[in-house]
């Protein structure tokens, strides 16, 4: 009977106490005293008696053809075992079966372990107060909602690698505005400035991505001017990780995962991922960070002791542009189009770009506010800006490039489809544009409600039917009775005043 190392140690201990072989065997839960005698005679533990096995217990089914598979792996080490197995089956039809795939995968895995050359993760030694890392991480997997609506977003996360102190702001893209917002918020909260700000190497927020740089490698791209100005403003040295060495950003990457897991747990305690506003959600995230940072106070104190105090004033959380309104009533902002009131055509306007919104100013007045679009070649068209032009030129509606933006909701699209089925194309377009004009002049919701009623009915209707059902846009002015002034009443007041003076 074999025994474990632990059992043999118990046997030896009991025998040293003068116990019999039977008593030592019982103490070690071994059935026979012969086992006790065996290990006493050998004087070694079971693990020391084992010999390394240098032979296979089963025949290798791929022994004859492994040289072919190995040659393919040497030429292309990234080949997947499943694809290589399928290739081997094609070379030797009928020789191998699907159930042997797992055996082949183990054989390939062993070959990679013995012959592969992988990039290792190199742990970094961090110095207090030297660096702050910033990265954007998507939080969509947490299922956050704002007022019942899905809220896709990311967190601009800033971390001090030495103490793991963290700060973050919610953003909709990893833009320079978002990086500025996240980093600046962290610095204001710290009240101090580290020497280096580190980001990854591929972010469009910090690196040049113009026509001249598109042909360059990531390593050759320099920082863009606006990012360099931000670093100079706070007196920080910009730095990126080396290409292919993501481990240099390991602190922030690890912090991203840990913070998302902590947020998930706090959401479970809260009982709901739905928040009443963006501000309420950011407050919730800030409270989680404060609790986590409270456990890092000692190391943070070491960092603050060697950092420079923050003296720079915060930059505005927006950037200003001055585009000209084109003949289509559009302005181009960061490769996206926005409509503005038609009266501004040809004028140059001031645009203030924030992380979540865009403001259009003219003559010191904010004339429009839009949600900021992310990406490129997108557009935001307000039908109120173009409806008058379309009524003057109704033939331009059907092939209008941004026609889909002229359906404020699905009920408006259904209304146009219904009108097309009952009227000629031109008459249907004019009728729909008149309905859209009613929505622009009054309340869109009132017009939508009327359209729902008409669509539910079987009767024929047109724009006149909608106009008759929509409530008047301006309240009725109540009639006023004419008030006649009696001058004799003033004479009575005057006589009373004279009487009092005499008294």
Foldseek 3Di string as FASTA:
>chain_A
DADAQVLLVQLVVVVVVVDDLVVSCVVSVHDDSVNSVVCVVVVDGPVVPDDDDPDDPDDDLCVVPVVVLVVVCVVPVPDQLVVSVVVVCVVPPPSDDPVCSVVSNVVSVVCCVVPNDDDDQDDDDDDFLAEKEWDKDWLQVLQAAAPPHGDTWIWTKIARLQLRQIWIDIFRDPALLRNLVGVLVVCVVLQFHGAEYEYAQDDPRFWDDDPVCVPPDSVPIDTDPVNVVSCVLFNHHYDYDDPPNCSVVVSVVVSVVVLSVLVSVVCVVVPHSYHNDSVRVSVVSVVSSVVVCVVRVVSNVVNSVPTGGGDGDRDPSWDKDWFAQACVQWTADPQEIEHFANVRHRHIWIWIGHRFKIFTDDPNDTRDMGGDDDDHPYYAYDCLRCLVVCLVVVVCQVVPPPNVNLQVDVLLVVQLVVLVVPDPPSQSSNQSSLLSVVCSLAPVVQLSVLSVVVVVDPDDDTSVSSVVRRDDRDDDDDDDDDDDDDCVVVVVVVVVVVVVVVD
